Amino acid sequence: MSSTAMKKKVLLMGKSGSGKTSMRSIIFANYIARDTRRLGATIDVEHSHVRFLGNLVLNLWDCGGQDTFMENYFTSQRDNIFRNVEVLIYVHGQALSISSSQMCSSWSPT
């Protein structure tokens, strides 16, 4: 990264399984949606740097959403996690659990 690049810290936060890592992978790593199924849970924080819109470098902090990690982010790791944050994206996902038989029974060709 060049020294003239503008760097911005971005936090991705939300409950475990809400889709933070999937969203990051689709937007910044060119994953297709079905490939995100192989992603595991994030342990603590995963850091990555992504060049965006030419001269902007996003310092992405993908924060694991398990209760233990979330509690630590707001207590013992508070200063480190929230220092110099430009953007916080809180992902709230809701999983839809449908069996294939339910899908087939509700689908009808037009």
N, C-alpha and C. Protein backbone atom coordinates (compact mmCIF):
# COMPACT_ATOMS: atom_id res chain seq x y z
N MET A 1 0.83 -1.17 0.00
CA MET A 1 0.00 0.00 0.00
C MET A 1 0.87 1.24 0.00
N SER A 2 0.52 2.19 -0.80
CA SER A 2 1.33 3.40 -0.87
C SER A 2 1.08 4.27 0.34
N SER A 3 2.03 5.13 0.65
CA SER A 3 1.90 6.01 1.81
C SER A 3 0.86 7.10 1.57
N THR A 4 0.43 7.32 0.32
CA THR A 4 -0.56 8.33 0.03
C THR A 4 -1.99 7.80 0.13
N ALA A 5 -2.14 6.50 0.36
CA ALA A 5 -3.47 5.92 0.48
C ALA A 5 -4.15 6.41 1.76
N MET A 6 -5.43 6.72 1.66
CA MET A 6 -6.21 7.12 2.82
C MET A 6 -6.75 5.83 3.46
N LYS A 7 -6.45 5.61 4.74
CA LYS A 7 -6.86 4.40 5.43
C LYS A 7 -8.00 4.70 6.40
N LYS A 8 -8.99 3.83 6.39
CA LYS A 8 -10.16 4.00 7.26
C LYS A 8 -10.47 2.67 7.94
N LYS A 9 -10.66 2.71 9.25
CA LYS A 9 -10.99 1.51 10.02
C LYS A 9 -12.50 1.29 9.99
N VAL A 10 -12.90 0.06 9.62
CA VAL A 10 -14.31 -0.31 9.53
C VAL A 10 -14.52 -1.56 10.39
N LEU A 11 -15.48 -1.49 11.31
CA LEU A 11 -15.84 -2.64 12.13
C LEU A 11 -17.07 -3.31 11.56
N LEU A 12 -17.03 -4.64 11.45
CA LEU A 12 -18.22 -5.44 11.13
C LEU A 12 -18.58 -6.16 12.42
N MET A 13 -19.74 -5.86 12.95
CA MET A 13 -20.17 -6.47 14.21
C MET A 13 -21.58 -7.00 14.08
N GLY A 14 -21.93 -7.94 14.94
CA GLY A 14 -23.26 -8.52 14.97
C GLY A 14 -23.18 -9.88 15.64
N LYS A 15 -24.34 -10.44 15.91
CA LYS A 15 -24.40 -11.74 16.57
C LYS A 15 -23.79 -12.84 15.70
N SER A 16 -23.41 -13.92 16.33
CA SER A 16 -22.85 -15.07 15.63
C SER A 16 -23.84 -15.59 14.59
N GLY A 17 -23.35 -15.82 13.38
CA GLY A 17 -24.20 -16.36 12.32
C GLY A 17 -25.03 -15.34 11.57
N SER A 18 -24.82 -14.06 11.84
CA SER A 18 -25.65 -13.03 11.19
C SER A 18 -25.22 -12.76 9.75
N GLY A 19 -24.00 -13.18 9.36
CA GLY A 19 -23.58 -13.01 7.98
C GLY A 19 -22.49 -11.99 7.75
N LYS A 20 -21.79 -11.59 8.80
CA LYS A 20 -20.74 -10.58 8.65
C LYS A 20 -19.63 -11.02 7.71
N THR A 21 -19.10 -12.21 7.96
CA THR A 21 -18.00 -12.71 7.14
C THR A 21 -18.47 -13.01 5.73
N SER A 22 -19.68 -13.51 5.59
CA SER A 22 -20.25 -13.77 4.26
C SER A 22 -20.38 -12.46 3.48
N MET A 23 -20.90 -11.43 4.13
CA MET A 23 -21.04 -10.13 3.49
C MET A 23 -19.68 -9.59 3.05
N ARG A 24 -18.71 -9.66 3.95
CA ARG A 24 -17.36 -9.19 3.62
C ARG A 24 -16.78 -9.96 2.44
N SER A 25 -16.97 -11.26 2.44
CA SER A 25 -16.42 -12.11 1.38
C SER A 25 -17.06 -11.85 0.03
N ILE A 26 -18.36 -11.62 0.01
CA ILE A 26 -19.07 -11.34 -1.24
C ILE A 26 -18.67 -9.96 -1.79
N ILE A 27 -18.64 -8.97 -0.91
CA ILE A 27 -18.37 -7.59 -1.36
C ILE A 27 -16.91 -7.37 -1.71
N PHE A 28 -16.00 -7.89 -0.90
CA PHE A 28 -14.59 -7.53 -1.06
C PHE A 28 -13.69 -8.64 -1.60
N ALA A 29 -14.16 -9.89 -1.61
CA ALA A 29 -13.31 -10.99 -2.06
C ALA A 29 -13.92 -11.76 -3.23
N ASN A 30 -14.94 -11.19 -3.83
CA ASN A 30 -15.58 -11.76 -5.03
C ASN A 30 -16.11 -13.17 -4.86
N TYR A 31 -16.53 -13.52 -3.64
CA TYR A 31 -17.19 -14.81 -3.44
C TYR A 31 -18.57 -14.74 -4.09
N ILE A 32 -19.08 -15.88 -4.51
CA ILE A 32 -20.49 -15.96 -4.87
C ILE A 32 -21.20 -16.51 -3.64
N ALA A 33 -22.49 -16.21 -3.52
CA ALA A 33 -23.21 -16.50 -2.29
C ALA A 33 -23.08 -17.95 -1.85
N ARG A 34 -23.19 -18.88 -2.76
CA ARG A 34 -23.15 -20.30 -2.34
C ARG A 34 -21.79 -20.70 -1.77
N ASP A 35 -20.72 -19.99 -2.15
CA ASP A 35 -19.39 -20.30 -1.62
C ASP A 35 -19.23 -19.90 -0.16
N THR A 36 -20.10 -19.04 0.35
CA THR A 36 -19.97 -18.61 1.74
C THR A 36 -20.39 -19.71 2.71
N ARG A 37 -21.05 -20.75 2.22
CA ARG A 37 -21.45 -21.86 3.10
C ARG A 37 -20.25 -22.55 3.73
N ARG A 38 -19.11 -22.48 3.08
CA ARG A 38 -17.92 -23.16 3.61
C ARG A 38 -17.14 -22.31 4.62
N LEU A 39 -17.57 -21.09 4.85
CA LEU A 39 -16.90 -20.23 5.82
C LEU A 39 -17.25 -20.66 7.24
N GLY A 40 -16.27 -20.68 8.10
CA GLY A 40 -16.51 -21.04 9.50
C GLY A 40 -16.75 -19.80 10.34
N ALA A 41 -16.98 -20.04 11.61
CA ALA A 41 -17.18 -18.94 12.55
C ALA A 41 -15.88 -18.16 12.72
N THR A 42 -16.00 -16.86 12.85
CA THR A 42 -14.83 -16.01 13.10
C THR A 42 -14.45 -16.10 14.56
N ILE A 43 -13.18 -16.37 14.82
CA ILE A 43 -12.67 -16.44 16.19
C ILE A 43 -12.01 -15.10 16.51
N ASP A 44 -12.54 -14.41 17.51
CA ASP A 44 -12.09 -13.09 17.94
C ASP A 44 -12.24 -12.09 16.80
N VAL A 45 -11.15 -11.61 16.20
CA VAL A 45 -11.24 -10.60 15.13
C VAL A 45 -10.35 -11.00 13.97
N GLU A 46 -10.88 -10.91 12.76
CA GLU A 46 -10.07 -11.12 11.55
C GLU A 46 -9.85 -9.76 10.90
N HIS A 47 -8.59 -9.46 10.63
CA HIS A 47 -8.22 -8.18 10.03
C HIS A 47 -7.91 -8.38 8.55
N SER A 48 -8.34 -7.43 7.74
CA SER A 48 -7.94 -7.44 6.33
C SER A 48 -7.90 -6.00 5.82
N HIS A 49 -7.07 -5.78 4.81
CA HIS A 49 -6.96 -4.47 4.17
C HIS A 49 -7.43 -4.62 2.74
N VAL A 50 -8.33 -3.73 2.34
CA VAL A 50 -8.91 -3.81 1.01
C VAL A 50 -8.83 -2.44 0.35
N ARG A 51 -8.24 -2.41 -0.84
CA ARG A 51 -8.23 -1.15 -1.60
C ARG A 51 -9.61 -0.96 -2.20
N PHE A 52 -10.15 0.23 -2.05
CA PHE A 52 -11.53 0.51 -2.44
C PHE A 52 -11.59 1.89 -3.08
N LEU A 53 -12.19 1.99 -4.21
CA LEU A 53 -12.35 3.28 -4.91
C LEU A 53 -11.02 4.00 -5.11
N GLY A 54 -10.04 3.28 -5.58
CA GLY A 54 -8.75 3.89 -5.93
C GLY A 54 -7.82 4.10 -4.76
N ASN A 55 -7.91 5.26 -4.12
CA ASN A 55 -6.94 5.66 -3.10
C ASN A 55 -7.38 5.38 -1.67
N LEU A 56 -8.51 4.71 -1.50
CA LEU A 56 -9.03 4.43 -0.17
C LEU A 56 -8.70 2.99 0.22
N VAL A 57 -8.12 2.82 1.40
CA VAL A 57 -7.84 1.47 1.91
C VAL A 57 -8.69 1.27 3.15
N LEU A 58 -9.52 0.25 3.11
CA LEU A 58 -10.36 -0.08 4.25
C LEU A 58 -9.64 -1.10 5.12
N ASN A 59 -9.48 -0.76 6.38
CA ASN A 59 -8.91 -1.65 7.37
C ASN A 59 -10.10 -2.33 8.03
N LEU A 60 -10.50 -3.50 7.48
CA LEU A 60 -11.70 -4.19 7.94
C LEU A 60 -11.40 -5.05 9.16
N TRP A 61 -12.21 -4.89 10.18
CA TRP A 61 -12.14 -5.71 11.38
C TRP A 61 -13.44 -6.50 11.44
N ASP A 62 -13.37 -7.77 11.11
CA ASP A 62 -14.52 -8.66 11.13
C ASP A 62 -14.54 -9.30 12.52
N CYS A 63 -15.47 -8.86 13.36
CA CYS A 63 -15.50 -9.26 14.77
C CYS A 63 -16.41 -10.47 14.97
N GLY A 64 -15.86 -11.52 15.56
CA GLY A 64 -16.65 -12.70 15.87
C GLY A 64 -17.84 -12.34 16.75
N GLY A 65 -18.97 -12.97 16.52
CA GLY A 65 -20.19 -12.59 17.21
C GLY A 65 -20.60 -13.46 18.38
N GLN A 66 -19.77 -14.43 18.75
CA GLN A 66 -20.11 -15.27 19.90
C GLN A 66 -20.18 -14.39 21.15
N ASP A 67 -21.06 -14.75 22.07
CA ASP A 67 -21.31 -13.92 23.26
C ASP A 67 -20.04 -13.57 24.02
N THR A 68 -19.13 -14.51 24.17
CA THR A 68 -17.88 -14.25 24.91
C THR A 68 -17.06 -13.15 24.25
N PHE A 69 -16.95 -13.22 22.93
CA PHE A 69 -16.19 -12.19 22.20
C PHE A 69 -16.89 -10.84 22.31
N MET A 70 -18.20 -10.82 22.11
CA MET A 70 -18.94 -9.56 22.16
C MET A 70 -18.77 -8.89 23.52
N GLU A 71 -18.83 -9.67 24.59
CA GLU A 71 -18.65 -9.11 25.93
C GLU A 71 -17.25 -8.49 26.07
N ASN A 72 -16.22 -9.19 25.57
CA ASN A 72 -14.85 -8.67 25.65
C ASN A 72 -14.66 -7.40 24.83
N TYR A 73 -15.33 -7.28 23.68
CA TYR A 73 -15.19 -6.08 22.85
C TYR A 73 -15.62 -4.83 23.62
N PHE A 74 -16.61 -4.99 24.49
CA PHE A 74 -17.13 -3.84 25.22
C PHE A 74 -16.54 -3.68 26.61
N THR A 75 -15.66 -4.60 27.00
CA THR A 75 -15.02 -4.49 28.32
C THR A 75 -13.50 -4.43 28.14
N SER A 76 -12.84 -5.56 28.20
CA SER A 76 -11.37 -5.59 28.22
C SER A 76 -10.72 -5.14 26.91
N GLN A 77 -11.40 -5.28 25.77
CA GLN A 77 -10.80 -4.90 24.48
C GLN A 77 -11.36 -3.58 23.93
N ARG A 78 -12.14 -2.91 24.72
CA ARG A 78 -12.88 -1.72 24.26
C ARG A 78 -12.00 -0.68 23.56
N ASP A 79 -10.91 -0.28 24.19
CA ASP A 79 -10.05 0.75 23.61
C ASP A 79 -9.45 0.30 22.28
N ASN A 80 -8.99 -0.93 22.22
CA ASN A 80 -8.37 -1.45 21.00
C ASN A 80 -9.40 -1.58 19.86
N ILE A 81 -10.55 -2.12 20.17
CA ILE A 81 -11.56 -2.36 19.14
C ILE A 81 -12.11 -1.05 18.57
N PHE A 82 -12.47 -0.12 19.42
CA PHE A 82 -13.18 1.08 18.96
C PHE A 82 -12.28 2.29 18.66
N ARG A 83 -10.97 2.17 18.92
CA ARG A 83 -10.06 3.29 18.65
C ARG A 83 -10.00 3.57 17.14
N ASN A 84 -10.17 4.81 16.76
CA ASN A 84 -10.04 5.29 15.38
C ASN A 84 -11.01 4.66 14.39
N VAL A 85 -12.16 4.21 14.87
CA VAL A 85 -13.16 3.63 13.97
C VAL A 85 -13.85 4.75 13.21
N GLU A 86 -13.91 4.58 11.89
CA GLU A 86 -14.62 5.54 11.03
C GLU A 86 -16.05 5.08 10.78
N VAL A 87 -16.24 3.76 10.63
CA VAL A 87 -17.56 3.22 10.33
C VAL A 87 -17.76 1.92 11.11
N LEU A 88 -18.95 1.78 11.70
CA LEU A 88 -19.34 0.54 12.33
C LEU A 88 -20.56 0.02 11.57
N ILE A 89 -20.45 -1.19 11.05
CA ILE A 89 -21.57 -1.83 10.37
C ILE A 89 -22.05 -2.95 11.27
N TYR A 90 -23.29 -2.82 11.77
CA TYR A 90 -23.86 -3.85 12.62
C TYR A 90 -24.78 -4.70 11.75
N VAL A 91 -24.44 -5.97 11.61
CA VAL A 91 -25.20 -6.87 10.75
C VAL A 91 -26.20 -7.64 11.61
N HIS A 92 -27.45 -7.54 11.23
CA HIS A 92 -28.51 -8.26 11.94
C HIS A 92 -29.13 -9.21 10.94
N GLY A 93 -28.83 -10.48 11.09
CA GLY A 93 -29.35 -11.48 10.16
C GLY A 93 -30.42 -12.32 10.80
N GLN A 94 -31.32 -12.77 9.96
CA GLN A 94 -32.34 -13.68 10.45
C GLN A 94 -32.37 -14.88 9.52
N ALA A 95 -32.01 -16.02 10.07
CA ALA A 95 -31.96 -17.23 9.25
C ALA A 95 -33.38 -17.74 9.02
N LEU A 96 -33.61 -18.17 7.81
CA LEU A 96 -34.88 -18.77 7.45
C LEU A 96 -34.64 -20.25 7.27
N SER A 97 -35.27 -21.04 8.09
CA SER A 97 -35.07 -22.48 8.01
C SER A 97 -36.27 -23.12 7.33
N ILE A 98 -36.03 -23.64 6.13
CA ILE A 98 -37.09 -24.26 5.34
C ILE A 98 -36.56 -25.57 4.80
N SER A 99 -37.32 -26.61 4.91
CA SER A 99 -36.89 -27.89 4.35
C SER A 99 -37.16 -27.91 2.86
N SER A 100 -36.47 -28.77 2.14
CA SER A 100 -36.68 -28.85 0.70
C SER A 100 -38.10 -29.30 0.38
N SER A 101 -38.70 -30.14 1.21
CA SER A 101 -40.07 -30.56 0.94
C SER A 101 -41.05 -29.40 1.12
N GLN A 102 -40.78 -28.51 2.10
CA GLN A 102 -41.62 -27.34 2.28
C GLN A 102 -41.49 -26.40 1.08
N MET A 103 -40.26 -26.24 0.58
CA MET A 103 -40.05 -25.39 -0.59
C MET A 103 -40.81 -25.93 -1.79
N CYS A 104 -40.70 -27.22 -2.02
CA CYS A 104 -41.34 -27.84 -3.18
C CYS A 104 -42.86 -27.77 -3.08
N SER A 105 -43.39 -27.92 -1.87
CA SER A 105 -44.85 -27.90 -1.74
C SER A 105 -45.42 -26.50 -1.92
N SER A 106 -44.62 -25.49 -1.64
CA SER A 106 -45.12 -24.11 -1.79
C SER A 106 -44.84 -23.54 -3.17
N TRP A 107 -44.03 -24.19 -3.95
CA TRP A 107 -43.70 -23.72 -5.29
C TRP A 107 -44.66 -24.29 -6.31
N SER A 108 -45.13 -23.44 -7.18
CA SER A 108 -45.96 -23.96 -8.28
C SER A 108 -45.58 -23.24 -9.55
N PRO A 109 -45.43 -23.97 -10.64
CA PRO A 109 -45.08 -23.33 -11.91
C PRO A 109 -46.21 -22.44 -12.39
N THR A 110 -45.85 -21.34 -13.03
CA THR A 110 -46.88 -20.43 -13.55
C THR A 110 -47.08 -20.61 -15.02
